[in-house]
Amino acid sequence: GAPHETAIANHYDLPVFITDYPTKIKPFYMQPNPDNEDTVLCADL
């Protein structure tokens, strides 16, 4: 949520990529992560 994203961004004080979200909370078209089948190759900036 917004408080979580803000805390992460404030830690870096720069735009920050959060990568490799769980498959179940992301859309159907995202490529699976070969290093972790429960996540996908994605990022939110």
All heavy atoms as atom14 arrays in JSON, in Angstrom:
{
  "sequence": "GAPHETAIANHYDLPVFITDYPTKIKPFYMQPNPDNEDTVLCADL",
  "atom14_mask": [
    [1, 1, 1, 1, 0, 0, 0, 0, 0, 0, 0, 0, 0, 0],
    [1, 1, 1, 1, 1, 0, 0, 0, 0, 0, 0, 0, 0, 0],
    [1, 1, 1, 1, 1, 1, 1, 0, 0, 0, 0, 0, 0, 0],
    [1, 1, 1, 1, 1, 1, 1, 1, 1, 1, 0, 0, 0, 0],
    [1, 1, 1, 1, 1, 1, 1, 1, 1, 0, 0, 0, 0, 0],
    [1, 1, 1, 1, 1, 1, 1, 0, 0, 0, 0, 0, 0, 0],
    [1, 1, 1, 1, 1, 0, 0, 0, 0, 0, 0, 0, 0, 0],
    [1, 1, 1, 1, 1, 1, 1, 1, 0, 0, 0, 0, 0, 0],
    [1, 1, 1, 1, 1, 0, 0, 0, 0, 0, 0, 0, 0, 0],
    [1, 1, 1, 1, 1, 1, 1, 1, 0, 0, 0, 0, 0, 0],
    [1, 1, 1, 1, 1, 1, 1, 1, 1, 1, 0, 0, 0, 0],
    [1, 1, 1, 1, 1, 1, 1, 1, 1, 1, 1, 1, 0, 0],
    [1, 1, 1, 1, 1, 1, 1, 1, 0, 0, 0, 0, 0, 0],
    [1, 1, 1, 1, 1, 1, 1, 1, 0, 0, 0, 0, 0, 0],
    [1, 1, 1, 1, 1, 1, 1, 0, 0, 0, 0, 0, 0, 0],
    [1, 1, 1, 1, 1, 1, 1, 0, 0, 0, 0, 0, 0, 0],
    [1, 1, 1, 1, 1, 1, 1, 1, 1, 1, 1, 0, 0, 0],
    [1, 1, 1, 1, 1, 1, 1, 1, 0, 0, 0, 0, 0, 0],
    [1, 1, 1, 1, 1, 1, 1, 0, 0, 0, 0, 0, 0, 0],
    [1, 1, 1, 1, 1, 1, 1, 1, 0, 0, 0, 0, 0, 0],
    [1, 1, 1, 1, 1, 1, 1, 1, 1, 1, 1, 1, 0, 0],
    [1, 1, 1, 1, 1, 1, 1, 0, 0, 0, 0, 0, 0, 0],
    [1, 1, 1, 1, 1, 1, 1, 0, 0, 0, 0, 0, 0, 0],
    [1, 1, 1, 1, 1, 1, 1, 1, 1, 0, 0, 0, 0, 0],
    [1, 1, 1, 1, 1, 1, 1, 1, 0, 0, 0, 0, 0, 0],
    [1, 1, 1, 1, 1, 1, 1, 1, 1, 0, 0, 0, 0, 0],
    [1, 1, 1, 1, 1, 1, 1, 0, 0, 0, 0, 0, 0, 0],
    [1, 1, 1, 1, 1, 1, 1, 1, 1, 1, 1, 0, 0, 0],
    [1, 1, 1, 1, 1, 1, 1, 1, 1, 1, 1, 1, 0, 0],
    [1, 1, 1, 1, 1, 1, 1, 1, 0, 0, 0, 0, 0, 0],
    [1, 1, 1, 1, 1, 1, 1, 1, 1, 0, 0, 0, 0, 0],
    [1, 1, 1, 1, 1, 1, 1, 0, 0, 0, 0, 0, 0, 0],
    [1, 1, 1, 1, 1, 1, 1, 1, 0, 0, 0, 0, 0, 0],
    [1, 1, 1, 1, 1, 1, 1, 0, 0, 0, 0, 0, 0, 0],
    [1, 1, 1, 1, 1, 1, 1, 1, 0, 0, 0, 0, 0, 0],
    [1, 1, 1, 1, 1, 1, 1, 1, 0, 0, 0, 0, 0, 0],
    [1, 1, 1, 1, 1, 1, 1, 1, 1, 0, 0, 0, 0, 0],
    [1, 1, 1, 1, 1, 1, 1, 1, 0, 0, 0, 0, 0, 0],
    [1, 1, 1, 1, 1, 1, 1, 0, 0, 0, 0, 0, 0, 0],
    [1, 1, 1, 1, 1, 1, 1, 0, 0, 0, 0, 0, 0, 0],
    [1, 1, 1, 1, 1, 1, 1, 1, 0, 0, 0, 0, 0, 0],
    [1, 1, 1, 1, 1, 1, 0, 0, 0, 0, 0, 0, 0, 0],
    [1, 1, 1, 1, 1, 0, 0, 0, 0, 0, 0, 0, 0, 0],
    [1, 1, 1, 1, 1, 1, 1, 1, 0, 0, 0, 0, 0, 0],
    [1, 1, 1, 1, 1, 1, 1, 1, 0, 0, 0, 0, 0, 0]
  ],
  "atom14_positions": [
    [[0.83, -1.19, 0.0], [0.0, 0.0, 0.0], [0.86, 1.24, 0.0], [2.1, 1.17, 0.01], [0.0, 0.0, 0.0], [0.0, 0.0, 0.0], [0.0, 0.0, 0.0], [0.0, 0.0, 0.0], [0.0, 0.0, 0.0], [0.0, 0.0, 0.0], [0.0, 0.0, 0.0], [0.0, 0.0, 0.0], [0.0, 0.0, 0.0], [0.0, 0.0, 0.0]],
    [[0.21, 2.39, 0.0], [0.94, 3.67, -0.06], [1.95, 3.83, 1.08], [3.08, 4.26, 0.83], [-0.07, 4.82, -0.06], [0.0, 0.0, 0.0], [0.0, 0.0, 0.0], [0.0, 0.0, 0.0], [0.0, 0.0, 0.0], [0.0, 0.0, 0.0], [0.0, 0.0, 0.0], [0.0, 0.0, 0.0], [0.0, 0.0, 0.0], [0.0, 0.0, 0.0]],
    [[1.6, 3.51, 2.33], [2.6, 3.66, 3.41], [3.83, 2.79, 3.21], [4.95, 3.2, 3.52], [1.82, 3.26, 4.67], [0.38, 3.41, 4.32], [0.3, 3.07, 2.87], [0.0, 0.0, 0.0], [0.0, 0.0, 0.0], [0.0, 0.0, 0.0], [0.0, 0.0, 0.0], [0.0, 0.0, 0.0], [0.0, 0.0, 0.0], [0.0, 0.0, 0.0]],
    [[3.62, 1.58, 2.69], [4.75, 0.68, 2.45], [5.67, 1.23, 1.36], [6.89, 1.25, 1.52], [4.24, -0.71, 2.05], [3.24, -1.29, 3.0], [1.97, -1.65, 2.61], [3.3, -1.55, 4.32], [1.32, -2.13, 3.64], [2.09, -2.08, 4.7], [0.0, 0.0, 0.0], [0.0, 0.0, 0.0], [0.0, 0.0, 0.0], [0.0, 0.0, 0.0]],
    [[5.07, 1.67, 0.25], [5.88, 2.22, -0.85], [6.63, 3.46, -0.4], [7.8, 3.65, -0.77], [4.97, 2.55, -2.03], [4.36, 1.33, -2.71], [3.41, 1.68, -3.83], [2.98, 2.85, -3.91], [3.09, 0.79, -4.63], [0.0, 0.0, 0.0], [0.0, 0.0, 0.0], [0.0, 0.0, 0.0], [0.0, 0.0, 0.0], [0.0, 0.0, 0.0]],
    [[5.98, 4.3, 0.39], [6.62, 5.52, 0.86], [7.82, 5.2, 1.75], [8.88, 5.84, 1.63], [5.61, 6.4, 1.63], [4.55, 6.76, 0.73], [6.27, 7.65, 2.16], [0.0, 0.0, 0.0], [0.0, 0.0, 0.0], [0.0, 0.0, 0.0], [0.0, 0.0, 0.0], [0.0, 0.0, 0.0], [0.0, 0.0, 0.0], [0.0, 0.0, 0.0]],
    [[7.67, 4.23, 2.63], [8.77, 3.86, 3.52], [9.98, 3.36, 2.73], [11.13, 3.72, 3.04], [8.31, 2.79, 4.5], [0.0, 0.0, 0.0], [0.0, 0.0, 0.0], [0.0, 0.0, 0.0], [0.0, 0.0, 0.0], [0.0, 0.0, 0.0], [0.0, 0.0, 0.0], [0.0, 0.0, 0.0], [0.0, 0.0, 0.0], [0.0, 0.0, 0.0]],
    [[9.72, 2.56, 1.7], [10.81, 2.04, 0.87], [11.48, 3.17, 0.11], [12.72, 3.28, 0.07], [10.28, 0.96, -0.09], [9.8, -0.26, 0.7], [11.36, 0.56, -1.1], [8.99, -1.25, -0.11], [0.0, 0.0, 0.0], [0.0, 0.0, 0.0], [0.0, 0.0, 0.0], [0.0, 0.0, 0.0], [0.0, 0.0, 0.0], [0.0, 0.0, 0.0]],
    [[10.67, 4.05, -0.48], [11.22, 5.17, -1.25], [12.02, 6.12, -0.36], [13.08, 6.62, -0.75], [10.1, 5.92, -1.97], [0.0, 0.0, 0.0], [0.0, 0.0, 0.0], [0.0, 0.0, 0.0], [0.0, 0.0, 0.0], [0.0, 0.0, 0.0], [0.0, 0.0, 0.0], [0.0, 0.0, 0.0], [0.0, 0.0, 0.0], [0.0, 0.0, 0.0]],
    [[11.52, 6.38, 0.83], [12.22, 7.29, 1.74], [13.57, 6.73, 2.15], [14.51, 7.49, 2.43], [11.36, 7.56, 2.98], [10.19, 8.48, 2.69], [10.14, 9.13, 1.66], [9.24, 8.52, 3.6], [0.0, 0.0, 0.0], [0.0, 0.0, 0.0], [0.0, 0.0, 0.0], [0.0, 0.0, 0.0], [0.0, 0.0, 0.0], [0.0, 0.0, 0.0]],
    [[13.68, 5.43, 2.21], [14.95, 4.81, 2.58], [16.03, 5.1, 1.55], [17.21, 5.27, 1.89], [14.75, 3.3, 2.74], [16.0, 2.55, 3.1], [16.59, 2.65, 4.33], [16.77, 1.69, 2.36], [17.66, 1.88, 4.37], [17.8, 1.3, 3.18], [0.0, 0.0, 0.0], [0.0, 0.0, 0.0], [0.0, 0.0, 0.0], [0.0, 0.0, 0.0]],
    [[15.63, 5.17, 0.28], [16.6, 5.41, -0.79], [16.66, 6.87, -1.22], [17.68, 7.32, -1.75], [16.25, 4.54, -2.0], [16.44, 3.06, -1.75], [15.36, 2.27, -1.38], [17.68, 2.47, -1.88], [15.52, 0.91, -1.15], [17.86, 1.11, -1.65], [16.77, 0.34, -1.28], [16.95, -1.0, -1.04], [0.0, 0.0, 0.0], [0.0, 0.0, 0.0]],
    [[15.56, 7.61, -1.03], [15.48, 9.02, -1.43], [15.72, 9.21, -2.93], [16.19, 10.24, -3.37], [16.46, 9.87, -0.62], [16.07, 11.35, -0.62], [14.86, 11.64, -0.73], [16.97, 12.22, -0.49], [0.0, 0.0, 0.0], [0.0, 0.0, 0.0], [0.0, 0.0, 0.0], [0.0, 0.0, 0.0], [0.0, 0.0, 0.0], [0.0, 0.0, 0.0]],
    [[15.43, 8.17, -3.69], [15.56, 8.18, -5.15], [14.44, 7.28, -5.7], [13.87, 6.48, -4.95], [16.92, 7.61, -5.58], [18.16, 8.49, -5.43], [19.42, 7.65, -5.66], [18.12, 9.66, -6.41], [0.0, 0.0, 0.0], [0.0, 0.0, 0.0], [0.0, 0.0, 0.0], [0.0, 0.0, 0.0], [0.0, 0.0, 0.0], [0.0, 0.0, 0.0]],
    [[14.15, 7.37, -6.98], [13.25, 6.36, -7.55], [13.86, 4.98, -7.34], [15.06, 4.78, -7.54], [13.2, 6.73, -9.04], [13.6, 8.18, -9.1], [14.58, 8.36, -7.99], [0.0, 0.0, 0.0], [0.0, 0.0, 0.0], [0.0, 0.0, 0.0], [0.0, 0.0, 0.0], [0.0, 0.0, 0.0], [0.0, 0.0, 0.0], [0.0, 0.0, 0.0]],
    [[13.04, 4.03, -6.93], [13.56, 2.7, -6.61], [12.68, 1.64, -7.27], [11.45, 1.72, -7.24], [13.64, 2.47, -5.08], [12.31, 2.75, -4.39], [14.11, 1.06, -4.74], [0.0, 0.0, 0.0], [0.0, 0.0, 0.0], [0.0, 0.0, 0.0], [0.0, 0.0, 0.0], [0.0, 0.0, 0.0], [0.0, 0.0, 0.0], [0.0, 0.0, 0.0]],
    [[13.31, 0.63, -7.86], [12.59, -0.5, -8.43], [12.33, -1.55, -7.35], [13.27, -1.97, -6.65], [13.41, -1.17, -9.54], [13.49, -0.39, -10.83], [14.7, 0.13, -11.27], [12.36, -0.21, -11.61], [14.78, 0.81, -12.47], [12.43, 0.48, -12.81], [13.64, 1.0, -13.23], [0.0, 0.0, 0.0], [0.0, 0.0, 0.0], [0.0, 0.0, 0.0]],
    [[11.08, -1.97, -7.22], [10.74, -3.15, -6.44], [10.47, -4.26, -7.44], [9.55, -4.15, -8.27], [9.53, -2.93, -5.53], [9.75, -1.72, -4.61], [9.26, -4.18, -4.68], [8.54, -1.37, -3.76], [0.0, 0.0, 0.0], [0.0, 0.0, 0.0], [0.0, 0.0, 0.0], [0.0, 0.0, 0.0], [0.0, 0.0, 0.0], [0.0, 0.0, 0.0]],
    [[11.27, -5.33, -7.42], [11.23, -6.36, -8.45], [10.68, -7.67, -7.93], [10.58, -7.9, -6.72], [12.64, -6.6, -9.03], [13.45, -7.21, -8.01], [13.29, -5.31, -9.48], [0.0, 0.0, 0.0], [0.0, 0.0, 0.0], [0.0, 0.0, 0.0], [0.0, 0.0, 0.0], [0.0, 0.0, 0.0], [0.0, 0.0, 0.0], [0.0, 0.0, 0.0]],
    [[10.31, -8.54, -8.85], [9.99, -9.94, -8.57], [8.84, -10.1, -7.58], [8.97, -10.73, -6.53], [11.23, -10.68, -8.04], [12.43, -10.53, -8.96], [12.23, -10.42, -10.17], [13.57, -10.5, -8.46], [0.0, 0.0, 0.0], [0.0, 0.0, 0.0], [0.0, 0.0, 0.0], [0.0, 0.0, 0.0], [0.0, 0.0, 0.0], [0.0, 0.0, 0.0]],
    [[7.69, -9.57, -7.95], [6.49, -9.7, -7.12], [5.93, -11.13, -7.21], [6.17, -11.84, -8.19], [5.42, -8.72, -7.58], [5.59, -7.3, -7.09], [6.51, -6.45, -7.7], [4.81, -6.81, -6.05], [6.65, -5.14, -7.27], [4.95, -5.5, -5.61], [5.87, -4.67, -6.22], [6.01, -3.38, -5.79], [0.0, 0.0, 0.0], [0.0, 0.0, 0.0]],
    [[5.13, -11.53, -6.21], [4.48, -12.84, -6.28], [3.58, -12.95, -7.5], [2.87, -12.01, -7.86], [3.66, -12.89, -4.98], [4.35, -11.95, -4.05], [4.89, -10.85, -4.93], [0.0, 0.0, 0.0], [0.0, 0.0, 0.0], [0.0, 0.0, 0.0], [0.0, 0.0, 0.0], [0.0, 0.0, 0.0], [0.0, 0.0, 0.0], [0.0, 0.0, 0.0]],
    [[3.59, -14.12, -8.11], [2.8, -14.38, -9.3], [1.31, -14.11, -9.06], [0.62, -13.55, -9.92], [2.98, -15.84, -9.75], [4.37, -16.09, -9.94], [2.23, -16.12, -11.04], [0.0, 0.0, 0.0], [0.0, 0.0, 0.0], [0.0, 0.0, 0.0], [0.0, 0.0, 0.0], [0.0, 0.0, 0.0], [0.0, 0.0, 0.0], [0.0, 0.0, 0.0]],
    [[0.83, -14.48, -7.88], [-0.61, -14.45, -7.63], [-1.19, -13.04, -7.52], [-2.4, -12.87, -7.61], [-0.94, -15.24, -6.36], [-0.41, -14.64, -5.07], [-0.81, -15.51, -3.89], [-0.34, -14.92, -2.57], [-0.74, -15.77, -1.41], [0.0, 0.0, 0.0], [0.0, 0.0, 0.0], [0.0, 0.0, 0.0], [0.0, 0.0, 0.0], [0.0, 0.0, 0.0]],
    [[-0.35, -12.02, -7.36], [-0.89, -10.65, -7.25], [-0.58, -9.82, -8.5], [-0.8, -8.61, -8.51], [-0.38, -9.92, -5.99], [1.15, -9.77, -6.01], [-0.86, -10.61, -4.73], [1.69, -8.89, -4.88], [0.0, 0.0, 0.0], [0.0, 0.0, 0.0], [0.0, 0.0, 0.0], [0.0, 0.0, 0.0], [0.0, 0.0, 0.0], [0.0, 0.0, 0.0]],
    [[-0.09, -10.48, -9.55], [0.24, -9.77, -10.77], [-0.57, -10.32, -11.95], [-1.09, -11.43, -11.89], [1.75, -9.88, -11.05], [2.6, -8.98, -10.15], [2.26, -7.5, -10.34], [3.09, -6.58, -9.47], [2.74, -5.15, -9.67], [0.0, 0.0, 0.0], [0.0, 0.0, 0.0], [0.0, 0.0, 0.0], [0.0, 0.0, 0.0], [0.0, 0.0, 0.0]],
    [[-0.69, -9.56, -13.03], [-1.51, -9.98, -14.18], [-1.0, -11.26, -14.84], [0.15, -11.67, -14.66], [-1.42, -8.79, -15.13], [-1.11, -7.62, -14.26], [-0.23, -8.16, -13.18], [0.0, 0.0, 0.0], [0.0, 0.0, 0.0], [0.0, 0.0, 0.0], [0.0, 0.0, 0.0], [0.0, 0.0, 0.0], [0.0, 0.0, 0.0], [0.0, 0.0, 0.0]],
    [[-1.86, -11.84, -15.67], [-1.62, -13.17, -16.23], [-0.47, -13.24, -17.21], [0.08, -14.32, -17.48], [-2.9, -13.66, -16.92], [-3.21, -12.94, -18.21], [-2.78, -13.43, -19.43], [-3.95, -11.75, -18.21], [-3.07, -12.78, -20.62], [-4.24, -11.09, -19.39], [-3.8, -11.6, -20.6], [0.0, 0.0, 0.0], [0.0, 0.0, 0.0], [0.0, 0.0, 0.0]],
    [[-0.07, -12.12, -17.79], [0.86, -12.15, -18.93], [2.33, -12.06, -18.53], [3.2, -12.02, -19.39], [0.54, -10.99, -19.88], [0.41, -9.64, -19.18], [1.53, -8.97, -18.71], [-0.83, -9.07, -18.97], [1.42, -7.76, -18.05], [-0.97, -7.86, -18.31], [0.17, -7.21, -17.85], [0.05, -6.01, -17.18], [0.0, 0.0, 0.0], [0.0, 0.0, 0.0]],
    [[2.66, -12.03, -17.25], [4.04, -11.79, -16.83], [4.86, -13.08, -16.81], [4.41, -14.12, -16.35], [4.07, -11.12, -15.46], [3.52, -9.7, -15.47], [3.77, -8.83, -13.9], [3.11, -7.2, -14.33], [0.0, 0.0, 0.0], [0.0, 0.0, 0.0], [0.0, 0.0, 0.0], [0.0, 0.0, 0.0], [0.0, 0.0, 0.0], [0.0, 0.0, 0.0]],
    [[6.09, -12.97, -17.3], [7.0, -14.1, -17.41], [7.44, -14.6, -16.03], [7.82, -13.82, -15.17], [8.25, -13.69, -18.21], [9.29, -14.75, -18.39], [8.89, -15.81, -19.4], [7.93, -15.64, -20.15], [9.62, -16.92, -19.42], [0.0, 0.0, 0.0], [0.0, 0.0, 0.0], [0.0, 0.0, 0.0], [0.0, 0.0, 0.0], [0.0, 0.0, 0.0]],
    [[7.37, -15.91, -15.79], [7.82, -16.45, -14.51], [9.31, -16.18, -14.27], [10.11, -16.14, -15.21], [7.55, -17.96, -14.64], [6.51, -18.07, -15.7], [6.78, -16.95, -16.65], [0.0, 0.0, 0.0], [0.0, 0.0, 0.0], [0.0, 0.0, 0.0], [0.0, 0.0, 0.0], [0.0, 0.0, 0.0], [0.0, 0.0, 0.0], [0.0, 0.0, 0.0]],
    [[9.64, -16.04, -13.02], [11.03, -15.84, -12.62], [11.73, -17.2, -12.58], [11.35, -18.06, -11.8], [11.06, -15.18, -11.24], [12.47, -14.85, -10.77], [13.45, -15.2, -11.42], [12.56, -14.18, -9.64], [0.0, 0.0, 0.0], [0.0, 0.0, 0.0], [0.0, 0.0, 0.0], [0.0, 0.0, 0.0], [0.0, 0.0, 0.0], [0.0, 0.0, 0.0]],
    [[12.76, -17.42, -13.39], [13.41, -18.74, -13.4], [14.1, -19.08, -12.08], [14.35, -20.26, -11.81], [14.44, -18.61, -14.54], [14.68, -17.14, -14.69], [13.38, -16.48, -14.35], [0.0, 0.0, 0.0], [0.0, 0.0, 0.0], [0.0, 0.0, 0.0], [0.0, 0.0, 0.0], [0.0, 0.0, 0.0], [0.0, 0.0, 0.0], [0.0, 0.0, 0.0]],
    [[14.38, -18.07, -11.27], [15.04, -18.32, -9.98], [14.06, -18.55, -8.84], [14.46, -18.93, -7.74], [15.94, -17.12, -9.63], [17.06, -16.94, -10.64], [17.55, -17.96, -11.17], [17.43, -15.79, -10.92], [0.0, 0.0, 0.0], [0.0, 0.0, 0.0], [0.0, 0.0, 0.0], [0.0, 0.0, 0.0], [0.0, 0.0, 0.0], [0.0, 0.0, 0.0]],
    [[12.77, -18.28, -9.09], [11.76, -18.47, -8.05], [10.41, -18.58, -8.73], [9.83, -17.59, -9.17], [11.77, -17.29, -7.06], [10.77, -17.47, -5.93], [9.93, -18.38, -5.96], [10.83, -16.59, -4.95], [0.0, 0.0, 0.0], [0.0, 0.0, 0.0], [0.0, 0.0, 0.0], [0.0, 0.0, 0.0], [0.0, 0.0, 0.0], [0.0, 0.0, 0.0]],
    [[9.88, -19.8, -8.81], [8.66, -20.05, -9.58], [7.43, -19.38, -8.98], [6.39, -19.3, -9.63], [8.41, -21.55, -9.67], [8.19, -22.24, -8.33], [7.96, -23.73, -8.45], [8.19, -24.28, -9.55], [7.55, -24.35, -7.46], [0.0, 0.0, 0.0], [0.0, 0.0, 0.0], [0.0, 0.0, 0.0], [0.0, 0.0, 0.0], [0.0, 0.0, 0.0]],
    [[7.53, -18.88, -7.76], [6.39, -18.2, -7.13], [6.35, -16.7, -7.46], [5.45, -16.0, -7.0], [6.44, -18.37, -5.61], [6.23, -19.81, -5.19], [5.46, -20.52, -5.88], [6.84, -20.24, -4.2], [0.0, 0.0, 0.0], [0.0, 0.0, 0.0], [0.0, 0.0, 0.0], [0.0, 0.0, 0.0], [0.0, 0.0, 0.0], [0.0, 0.0, 0.0]],
    [[7.33, -16.22, -8.21], [7.39, -14.8, -8.55], [7.51, -14.63, -10.06], [7.75, -15.6, -10.79], [8.57, -14.1, -7.86], [9.81, -14.62, -8.37], [8.51, -14.28, -6.35], [0.0, 0.0, 0.0], [0.0, 0.0, 0.0], [0.0, 0.0, 0.0], [0.0, 0.0, 0.0], [0.0, 0.0, 0.0], [0.0, 0.0, 0.0], [0.0, 0.0, 0.0]],
    [[7.34, -13.39, -10.51], [7.44, -13.08, -11.95], [8.48, -12.0, -12.18], [8.86, -11.25, -11.27], [6.07, -12.62, -12.5], [5.12, -13.79, -12.64], [5.45, -11.52, -11.65], [0.0, 0.0, 0.0], [0.0, 0.0, 0.0], [0.0, 0.0, 0.0], [0.0, 0.0, 0.0], [0.0, 0.0, 0.0], [0.0, 0.0, 0.0], [0.0, 0.0, 0.0]],
    [[8.94, -11.93, -13.43], [9.96, -10.94, -13.81], [9.28, -9.6, -14.07], [8.89, -9.27, -15.18], [10.71, -11.42, -15.05], [11.55, -12.68, -14.88], [12.18, -13.09, -16.21], [12.63, -12.47, -13.82], [0.0, 0.0, 0.0], [0.0, 0.0, 0.0], [0.0, 0.0, 0.0], [0.0, 0.0, 0.0], [0.0, 0.0, 0.0], [0.0, 0.0, 0.0]],
    [[9.13, -8.84, -13.01], [8.41, -7.56, -13.11], [9.04, -6.56, -12.16], [9.9, -6.91, -11.34], [6.94, -7.74, -12.76], [6.65, -8.07, -11.0], [0.0, 0.0, 0.0], [0.0, 0.0, 0.0], [0.0, 0.0, 0.0], [0.0, 0.0, 0.0], [0.0, 0.0, 0.0], [0.0, 0.0, 0.0], [0.0, 0.0, 0.0], [0.0, 0.0, 0.0]],
    [[8.63, -5.32, -12.28], [9.09, -4.29, -11.35], [8.1, -3.14, -11.34], [7.49, -2.81, -12.37], [10.47, -3.77, -11.75], [0.0, 0.0, 0.0], [0.0, 0.0, 0.0], [0.0, 0.0, 0.0], [0.0, 0.0, 0.0], [0.0, 0.0, 0.0], [0.0, 0.0, 0.0], [0.0, 0.0, 0.0], [0.0, 0.0, 0.0], [0.0, 0.0, 0.0]],
    [[7.93, -2.56, -10.18], [7.26, -1.27, -10.03], [8.32, -0.23, -9.69], [9.19, -0.49, -8.84], [6.22, -1.3, -8.91], [4.99, -2.14, -9.27], [4.84, -2.49, -10.45], [4.19, -2.43, -8.35], [0.0, 0.0, 0.0], [0.0, 0.0, 0.0], [0.0, 0.0, 0.0], [0.0, 0.0, 0.0], [0.0, 0.0, 0.0], [0.0, 0.0, 0.0]],
    [[8.26, 0.91, -10.35], [9.17, 2.0, -10.02], [8.45, 2.96, -9.08], [7.43, 3.54, -9.43], [9.64, 2.74, -11.28], [10.64, 3.87, -11.02], [11.94, 3.33, -10.43], [10.93, 4.65, -12.31], [0.0, 0.0, 0.0], [0.0, 0.0, 0.0], [0.0, 0.0, 0.0], [0.0, 0.0, 0.0], [0.0, 0.0, 0.0], [0.0, 0.0, 0.0]]
  ]
}
